[in-house]
Amino acid sequence: MQYSGIQHKVAIVTGAAEGIGYAIVESLLRAGAKVVLNDLDETKARRAVDDLNEKSPGQCLLFHGDAGDIKVINAMVDFTLQHFKRIDFIVPNAGITLFGDFLAFTPESFQKVIQLNLQGAFFLVQRAAKEMIAQKTGGKVVLMSSQVGIRAYRHLTTYAMTKAALRMMAVNLAYELGSSQINVNVIAPGATLTARTQQEQPDYEGMWSQLNPNKRVGTPEDIAKTCLFLLSDDASHINGQTIPVDGGWTAAGKYPEDLE
């Protein structure tokens, strides 16, 4: 399906060298948008941009750096405006998952998760919203929460806190920015098969195919399709909402220990 309102728009997508972020960038480019792709891993990011520009020459630009660093955020927005002259879509996809027992979780690990997952998203959206308001053309934001921001999961308290906070951030920003025609929504991905998750759990697909009510694991394309819809004009009256894309796990799925 070809959604309206994507072509010729400009997007920033963080954490996009691979996995969900890459799939989102790919879908935006295919729909005719221009994208600044950000990632901390410069080698992977350069490879991703080169691959994407083979199909969409000059439409995808790289901005390497830590998406949780406010100086990097401001420089990235400046870079986008310099090259593409405007900003229409923001997808703060970059995030970090750190497992750890609550009773042993360190302040250093806590700050690391908070800085990228919350600070990065908050200040990128803040800076971009200022530009969108100045442009007087509105804009769209899609925040990336998680199934773990909706249901409890063992040893992920800090991560879950950040992902739940993003949902409330969207609710508040829908209220604060709605009059400027800026929509802020959230996707809460479920278990998604990527290079990272497959490395962490060799039988990731097999395990989550048993845990999810729809009996399959998610793909980056599942998330990208939902994101593209939320960024389009077809979703112009959806604001402040969280959409789980998880095969029904948050509704009725099982936990890994249920398979033991």
Protein backbone atom coordinates (compact mmCIF):
# COMPACT_ATOMS: atom_id res chain seq x y z
CA MET A 1 0.00 0.00 0.00
CA GLN A 2 1.21 3.50 -0.86
CA TYR A 3 0.54 5.90 2.00
CA SER A 4 0.00 9.60 1.33
CA GLY A 5 2.12 12.41 2.71
CA ILE A 6 5.50 10.63 2.73
CA GLN A 7 6.99 11.65 -0.58
CA HIS A 8 9.52 14.53 -0.43
CA LYS A 9 9.36 14.66 3.37
CA VAL A 10 12.54 14.62 5.49
CA ALA A 11 13.13 12.20 8.35
CA ILE A 12 15.74 11.53 11.03
CA VAL A 13 15.98 7.92 12.21
CA THR A 14 18.44 7.03 14.96
CA GLY A 15 19.96 3.63 15.66
CA ALA A 16 19.35 2.69 12.04
CA ALA A 17 22.42 0.83 10.76
CA GLU A 18 20.59 -2.48 11.02
CA GLY A 19 17.47 -4.20 12.32
CA ILE A 20 14.29 -2.22 12.94
CA GLY A 21 15.88 1.17 12.29
CA TYR A 22 17.27 0.06 8.93
CA ALA A 23 13.89 -1.35 7.89
CA ILE A 24 12.21 1.95 8.79
CA VAL A 25 14.70 3.95 6.73
CA GLU A 26 14.32 1.55 3.81
CA SER A 27 10.53 1.88 3.87
CA LEU A 28 10.71 5.68 4.03
CA LEU A 29 13.10 5.85 1.08
CA ARG A 30 10.92 3.47 -0.92
CA ALA A 31 7.97 5.81 -0.27
CA GLY A 32 9.91 8.81 -1.56
CA ALA A 33 11.20 10.45 1.63
CA LYS A 34 14.69 11.74 2.34
CA VAL A 35 16.39 10.38 5.44
CA VAL A 36 19.29 11.16 7.75
CA LEU A 37 20.41 7.81 9.15
CA ASN A 38 22.12 7.88 12.52
CA ASP A 39 24.02 5.17 14.34
CA LEU A 40 26.82 4.90 16.88
CA ASP A 41 28.63 2.22 14.83
CA GLU A 42 30.12 4.23 11.99
CA THR A 43 31.29 1.24 9.96
CA LYS A 44 27.88 -0.42 9.95
CA ALA A 45 26.16 2.92 9.32
CA ARG A 46 28.33 3.71 6.28
CA ARG A 47 27.64 0.28 4.86
CA ALA A 48 23.90 0.76 5.42
CA VAL A 49 23.83 4.19 3.75
CA ASP A 50 25.83 2.91 0.78
CA ASP A 51 23.42 0.01 0.33
CA LEU A 52 20.35 2.21 0.63
CA ASN A 53 21.66 4.82 -1.80
CA GLU A 54 22.10 2.18 -4.48
CA LYS A 55 18.30 2.15 -4.74
CA SER A 56 17.67 5.79 -3.74
CA PRO A 57 20.76 7.77 -4.81
CA GLY A 58 21.46 10.81 -2.64
CA GLN A 59 18.29 10.43 -0.59
CA CYS A 60 19.96 8.93 2.50
CA LEU A 61 22.68 10.73 4.42
CA LEU A 62 24.78 9.47 7.31
CA PHE A 63 25.21 11.23 10.64
CA HIS A 64 27.38 9.18 12.95
CA GLY A 65 27.28 9.68 16.72
CA ASP A 66 25.75 8.89 20.09
CA ALA A 67 22.02 9.61 19.85
CA GLY A 68 21.89 10.10 23.63
CA ASP A 69 24.37 13.00 23.54
CA ILE A 70 22.66 16.40 23.35
CA LYS A 71 25.55 17.96 21.42
CA VAL A 72 25.29 15.19 18.84
CA ILE A 73 21.51 15.67 18.66
CA ASN A 74 21.80 19.39 17.95
CA ALA A 75 24.56 18.83 15.39
CA MET A 76 22.45 16.16 13.68
CA VAL A 77 19.44 18.47 13.40
CA ASP A 78 21.67 21.25 12.05
CA PHE A 79 23.15 18.80 9.52
CA THR A 80 19.66 17.77 8.38
CA LEU A 81 18.55 21.36 7.92
CA GLN A 82 21.75 22.23 6.07
CA HIS A 83 21.34 19.41 3.56
CA PHE A 84 17.58 18.92 3.28
CA LYS A 85 16.31 22.36 4.46
CA ARG A 86 13.52 20.99 6.63
CA ILE A 87 12.45 18.26 9.09
CA ASP A 88 9.12 16.46 8.94
CA PHE A 89 9.55 13.10 10.69
CA ILE A 90 11.46 12.00 13.78
CA VAL A 91 11.98 8.36 14.79
CA PRO A 92 14.21 8.06 17.88
CA ASN A 93 14.82 4.36 17.40
CA ALA A 94 18.21 4.12 19.13
CA GLY A 95 18.04 2.31 22.43
CA ILE A 96 19.93 0.02 24.73
CA THR A 97 18.78 -3.06 26.64
CA LEU A 98 20.74 -3.98 29.77
CA PHE A 99 19.61 -7.02 31.70
CA GLY A 100 20.36 -7.04 35.40
CA ASP A 101 19.04 -8.04 38.80
CA PHE A 102 17.31 -5.02 40.35
CA LEU A 103 19.15 -5.51 43.65
CA ALA A 104 22.54 -5.47 41.92
CA PHE A 105 21.95 -2.91 39.15
CA THR A 106 24.62 -0.20 39.23
CA PRO A 107 24.23 3.59 38.93
CA GLU A 108 26.54 3.49 35.90
CA SER A 109 24.31 1.01 34.08
CA PHE A 110 21.20 2.94 35.10
CA GLN A 111 22.55 6.20 33.67
CA LYS A 112 23.62 4.50 30.46
CA VAL A 113 20.10 3.22 29.80
CA ILE A 114 18.44 6.50 30.81
CA GLN A 115 20.76 8.63 28.67
CA LEU A 116 20.08 6.87 25.40
CA ASN A 117 16.52 5.62 25.82
CA LEU A 118 15.05 8.72 27.47
CA GLN A 119 17.38 11.70 27.19
CA GLY A 120 18.12 10.95 23.55
CA ALA A 121 14.48 10.69 22.56
CA PHE A 122 13.35 13.67 24.67
CA PHE A 123 15.87 16.18 23.38
CA LEU A 124 15.79 15.06 19.76
CA VAL A 125 12.02 15.51 19.71
CA GLN A 126 12.32 18.82 21.57
CA ARG A 127 14.80 20.28 19.09
CA ALA A 128 12.97 18.91 16.05
CA ALA A 129 9.60 20.18 17.32
CA LYS A 130 11.01 23.70 17.51
CA GLU A 131 12.02 23.44 13.86
CA MET A 132 8.64 22.00 12.86
CA ILE A 133 6.83 24.84 14.61
CA ALA A 134 9.07 27.39 12.88
CA GLN A 135 8.33 25.74 9.51
CA LYS A 136 4.57 26.01 10.25
CA THR A 137 3.98 22.73 8.44
CA GLY A 138 3.58 20.36 11.39
CA GLY A 139 5.27 17.00 11.62
CA LYS A 140 5.16 13.44 12.90
CA VAL A 141 7.06 11.66 15.66
CA VAL A 142 7.13 7.93 16.29
CA LEU A 143 8.72 6.87 19.57
CA MET A 144 9.95 3.31 20.01
CA SER A 145 8.72 1.70 23.21
CA SER A 146 8.59 -2.07 23.79
CA GLN A 147 6.33 -4.88 24.90
CA VAL A 148 8.41 -4.65 28.10
CA GLY A 149 7.04 -1.13 28.60
CA ILE A 150 3.60 -2.72 28.94
CA ARG A 151 4.19 -6.06 30.70
CA ALA A 152 6.76 -7.04 33.31
CA TYR A 153 9.85 -8.98 32.28
CA ARG A 154 12.51 -10.46 34.50
CA HIS A 155 15.74 -8.44 35.02
CA LEU A 156 14.65 -5.51 32.83
CA THR A 157 13.35 -3.01 35.38
CA THR A 158 15.38 -0.02 34.18
CA TYR A 159 14.80 -0.73 30.51
CA ALA A 160 11.07 -1.22 31.15
CA MET A 161 10.90 2.07 33.04
CA THR A 162 12.33 3.96 30.07
CA LYS A 163 10.03 2.27 27.59
CA ALA A 164 6.95 2.96 29.71
CA ALA A 165 8.07 6.58 30.10
CA LEU A 166 8.14 7.01 26.31
CA ARG A 167 4.48 6.06 26.20
CA MET A 168 3.62 8.83 28.69
CA MET A 169 5.89 11.23 26.81
CA ALA A 170 3.75 10.70 23.73
CA VAL A 171 0.54 11.29 25.66
CA ASN A 172 1.81 14.59 27.03
CA LEU A 173 3.30 15.76 23.74
CA ALA A 174 0.09 14.97 21.88
CA TYR A 175 -1.51 17.47 24.25
CA GLU A 176 1.31 20.04 24.12
CA LEU A 177 2.17 19.90 20.41
CA GLY A 178 -1.16 18.98 18.87
CA SER A 179 -2.12 22.59 18.17
CA SER A 180 1.05 22.89 16.08
CA GLN A 181 -0.09 19.90 13.99
CA ILE A 182 2.65 17.68 15.38
CA ASN A 183 1.50 14.13 16.03
CA VAL A 184 3.41 11.95 18.51
CA ASN A 185 2.70 8.23 18.65
CA VAL A 186 4.43 5.13 19.92
CA ILE A 187 5.18 1.66 18.62
CA ALA A 188 5.75 -1.07 21.19
CA PRO A 189 7.55 -3.85 19.31
CA GLY A 190 7.42 -7.36 20.58
CA ALA A 191 10.09 -10.00 20.11
CA THR A 192 11.65 -9.15 16.75
CA LEU A 193 14.14 -11.29 14.86
CA THR A 194 17.26 -9.23 14.13
CA ALA A 195 20.97 -9.97 13.91
CA ARG A 196 21.33 -8.81 17.53
CA THR A 197 18.48 -10.84 19.01
CA GLN A 198 19.52 -13.93 17.08
CA GLN A 199 23.05 -13.57 18.42
CA GLU A 200 21.75 -13.19 21.98
CA GLN A 201 19.51 -16.26 21.70
CA PRO A 202 20.35 -18.83 18.96
CA ASP A 203 16.81 -20.26 18.99
CA TYR A 204 15.17 -16.84 19.31
CA GLU A 205 12.71 -17.45 16.46
CA GLY A 206 11.76 -20.90 17.68
CA MET A 207 11.24 -19.77 21.26
CA TRP A 208 9.12 -16.71 20.49
CA SER A 209 7.10 -18.59 17.90
CA GLN A 210 5.88 -20.69 20.83
CA LEU A 211 5.36 -17.72 23.18
CA ASN A 212 3.40 -15.42 20.85
CA PRO A 213 -0.31 -16.09 20.35
CA ASN A 214 0.07 -15.79 16.56
CA LYS A 215 2.82 -18.45 16.65
CA ARG A 216 5.55 -16.46 14.90
CA VAL A 217 8.30 -14.05 15.77
CA GLY A 218 8.17 -10.44 14.59
CA THR A 219 10.31 -9.02 11.78
CA PRO A 220 11.80 -5.54 11.36
CA GLU A 221 9.45 -5.10 8.42
CA ASP A 222 6.45 -5.59 10.72
CA ILE A 223 7.58 -2.58 12.73
CA ALA A 224 8.55 -0.53 9.68
CA LYS A 225 5.13 -0.95 8.07
CA THR A 226 3.41 0.34 11.20
CA CYS A 227 5.85 3.23 11.48
CA LEU A 228 5.29 4.26 7.86
CA PHE A 229 1.54 4.33 8.46
CA LEU A 230 1.89 6.49 11.59
CA LEU A 231 4.12 8.95 9.71
CA SER A 232 1.68 9.22 6.82
CA ASP A 233 -1.25 11.56 6.28
CA ASP A 234 -3.49 8.50 6.59
CA ALA A 235 -2.77 8.55 10.34
CA SER A 236 -3.28 12.31 10.76
CA HIS A 237 -6.00 11.87 13.41
CA ILE A 238 -4.03 9.38 15.51
CA ASN A 239 -2.16 11.15 18.29
CA GLY A 240 -0.75 10.14 21.67
CA GLN A 241 -1.36 6.44 21.09
CA THR A 242 0.72 3.29 21.63
CA ILE A 243 0.42 0.47 19.13
CA PRO A 244 1.88 -2.89 20.20
CA VAL A 245 3.29 -4.80 17.22
CA ASP A 246 3.95 -8.04 19.03
CA GLY A 247 1.80 -10.86 17.68
CA GLY A 248 -0.48 -10.53 20.70
CA TRP A 249 2.19 -11.10 23.37
CA THR A 250 1.15 -8.18 25.58
CA ALA A 251 -2.43 -9.44 25.40
CA ALA A 252 -1.98 -13.11 26.16
CA GLY A 253 1.57 -14.31 25.50
CA LYS A 254 3.66 -16.63 27.63
CA TYR A 255 7.04 -16.06 29.28
CA PRO A 256 10.21 -18.03 28.40
CA GLU A 257 10.09 -19.84 31.74
CA ASP A 258 6.68 -21.23 30.77
CA LEU A 259 8.48 -23.41 28.22
CA GLU A 260 10.78 -24.97 30.80
